[in-house]
C-alpha atoms as a PDB file:
ATOM      1  CA  MET A   1       0.000   0.000   0.000  1.00  0.00           C
ATOM      2  CA  VAL A   2       1.304   3.419  -0.974  1.00  0.00           C
ATOM      3  CA  SER A   3       1.602   5.894   1.864  1.00  0.00           C
ATOM      4  CA  PHE A   4       0.040   9.326   1.723  1.00  0.00           C
ATOM      5  CA  MET A   5       3.417  11.071   1.604  1.00  0.00           C
ATOM      6  CA  GLU A   6       4.622   8.968  -1.299  1.00  0.00           C
ATOM      7  CA  GLU A   7       1.413   9.820  -3.132  1.00  0.00           C
ATOM      8  CA  ALA A   8       1.831  13.523  -2.343  1.00  0.00           C
ATOM      9  CA  ASN A   9       5.441  13.511  -3.562  1.00  0.00           C
ATOM     10  CA  LYS A  10       4.418  12.659  -7.109  1.00  0.00           C
ATOM     11  CA  LYS A  11       4.791  15.829  -9.147  1.00  0.00           C
ATOM     12  CA  LEU A  12       1.989  17.424 -11.101  1.00  0.00           C
ATOM     13  CA  SER A  13       2.887  19.530 -14.115  1.00  0.00           C
ATOM     14  CA  SER A  14       2.365  23.252 -13.660  1.00  0.00           C
ATOM     15  CA  GLY A  15      -0.089  23.316 -16.570  1.00  0.00           C
ATOM     16  CA  ARG A  16      -2.230  20.671 -14.913  1.00  0.00           C
ATOM     17  CA  ILE A  17      -2.156  22.537 -11.590  1.00  0.00           C
ATOM     18  CA  ILE A  18      -3.282  25.721 -13.350  1.00  0.00           C
ATOM     19  CA  ALA A  19      -6.090  23.836 -15.113  1.00  0.00           C
ATOM     20  CA  ILE A  20      -7.254  22.334 -11.812  1.00  0.00           C
ATOM     21  CA  ALA A  21      -7.164  25.749 -10.119  1.00  0.00           C
ATOM     22  CA  ILE A  22      -9.175  27.345 -12.923  1.00  0.00           C
ATOM     23  CA  LEU A  23     -11.762  24.563 -12.876  1.00  0.00           C
ATOM     24  CA  ILE A  24     -12.222  25.000  -9.136  1.00  0.00           C
ATOM     25  CA  LEU A  25     -12.197  28.813  -9.111  1.00  0.00           C
ATOM     26  CA  ILE A  26     -14.634  29.482 -11.969  1.00  0.00           C
ATOM     27  CA  PRO A  27     -17.743  28.276 -10.049  1.00  0.00           C
ATOM     28  CA  PHE A  28     -16.604  30.198  -6.972  1.00  0.00           C
ATOM     29  CA  PHE A  29     -16.416  33.464  -8.916  1.00  0.00           C
ATOM     30  CA  VAL A  30     -19.715  32.808 -10.710  1.00  0.00           C
ATOM     31  CA  TYR A  31     -21.515  32.324  -7.387  1.00  0.00           C
ATOM     32  CA  PHE A  32     -19.651  35.318  -5.957  1.00  0.00           C
ATOM     33  CA  LEU A  33     -21.085  37.619  -8.657  1.00  0.00           C
ATOM     34  CA  TYR A  34     -24.481  37.529  -6.965  1.00  0.00           C
ATOM     35  CA  PRO A  35     -25.790  40.892  -8.285  1.00  0.00           C
ATOM     36  CA  THR A  36     -25.452  39.692 -11.889  1.00  0.00           C
ATOM     37  CA  TYR A  37     -28.039  36.936 -11.466  1.00  0.00           C
ATOM     38  CA  ASN A  38     -30.281  38.424  -8.762  1.00  0.00           C
ATOM     39  CA  LYS A  39     -33.148  38.870 -11.238  1.00  0.00           C
ATOM     40  CA  VAL A  40     -36.701  37.678 -11.647  1.00  0.00           C
ATOM     41  CA  ASN A  41     -36.879  37.528 -15.441  1.00  0.00           C
ATOM     42  CA  PRO A  42     -36.559  35.487 -17.589  1.00  0.00           C
ATOM     43  CA  THR A  43     -38.577  32.687 -16.053  1.00  0.00           C
ATOM     44  CA  ILE A  44     -38.764  29.044 -17.062  1.00  0.00           C
ATOM     45  CA  ASP A  45     -42.124  27.470 -16.179  1.00  0.00           C
ATOM     46  CA  GLY A  46     -42.615  30.009 -13.410  1.00  0.00           C
ATOM     47  CA  LEU A  47     -39.136  29.454 -11.958  1.00  0.00           C
ATOM     48  CA  THR A  48     -37.329  32.779 -11.673  1.00  0.00           C
ATOM     49  CA  PHE A  49     -33.943  33.383 -13.254  1.00  0.00           C
ATOM     50  CA  PHE A  50     -32.274  33.466  -9.841  1.00  0.00           C
ATOM     51  CA  TYR A  51     -33.248  29.882  -9.059  1.00  0.00           C
ATOM     52  CA  TRP A  52     -32.767  28.230 -12.427  1.00  0.00           C
ATOM     53  CA  TYR A  53     -29.420  29.972 -12.940  1.00  0.00           C
ATOM     54  CA  GLN A  54     -28.136  28.650  -9.621  1.00  0.00           C
ATOM     55  CA  THR A  55     -29.475  25.165 -10.392  1.00  0.00           C
ATOM     56  CA  LEU A  56     -27.800  25.211 -13.802  1.00  0.00           C
ATOM     57  CA  TRP A  57     -24.481  26.252 -12.252  1.00  0.00           C
ATOM     58  CA  LEU A  58     -24.805  23.559  -9.614  1.00  0.00           C
ATOM     59  CA  GLY A  59     -24.648  20.937 -12.364  1.00  0.00           C
ATOM     60  CA  ILE A  60     -21.882  22.761 -14.239  1.00  0.00           C
ATOM     61  CA  SER A  61     -19.877  23.084 -11.007  1.00  0.00           C
ATOM     62  CA  GLY A  62     -20.223  19.377 -10.308  1.00  0.00           C
ATOM     63  CA  ILE A  63     -18.900  18.544 -13.759  1.00  0.00           C
ATOM     64  CA  MET A  64     -16.009  20.993 -13.372  1.00  0.00           C
ATOM     65  CA  TYR A  65     -15.102  19.591  -9.951  1.00  0.00           C
ATOM     66  CA  ALA A  66     -15.236  16.046 -11.336  1.00  0.00           C
ATOM     67  CA  ILE A  67     -12.861  17.006 -14.157  1.00  0.00           C
ATOM     68  CA  ALA A  68     -10.525  18.691 -11.657  1.00  0.00           C
ATOM     69  CA  ALA A  69     -10.579  15.578  -9.457  1.00  0.00           C
ATOM     70  CA  TYR A  70      -9.832  13.395 -12.476  1.00  0.00           C
ATOM     71  CA  LEU A  71      -6.876  15.607 -13.457  1.00  0.00           C
ATOM     72  CA  TRP A  72      -5.610  15.553  -9.865  1.00  0.00           C
ATOM     73  CA  ASP A  73      -5.929  11.785  -9.530  1.00  0.00           C
ATOM     74  CA  LYS A  74      -4.407  11.105 -12.958  1.00  0.00           C
ATOM     75  CA  ARG A  75      -0.907  12.020 -11.792  1.00  0.00           C
END
C-alpha cells in the first residue's frame, strides 16, 4: 500500500495545476457575482432566473469539480 506522503510527492505539471485551479475557481467566482443573477426575469415554467441559474451552475460546477478531481488523480 502506498503511503500518503509517497502519493503527495508525485509531481503534477504546472499546466495541470493551473487547469485544476481554474476549474475549481470558476464556479466560486460565478456564485460570488451575486448581483449579476439576482433577477426575476426570464422565467422558465414560473421558476425565476435566480433559481434556475443557480441550479444550472450547480450541475456545471459538479462537472467541473469532477474534471478537476480526475486531473488531480491522474498524476
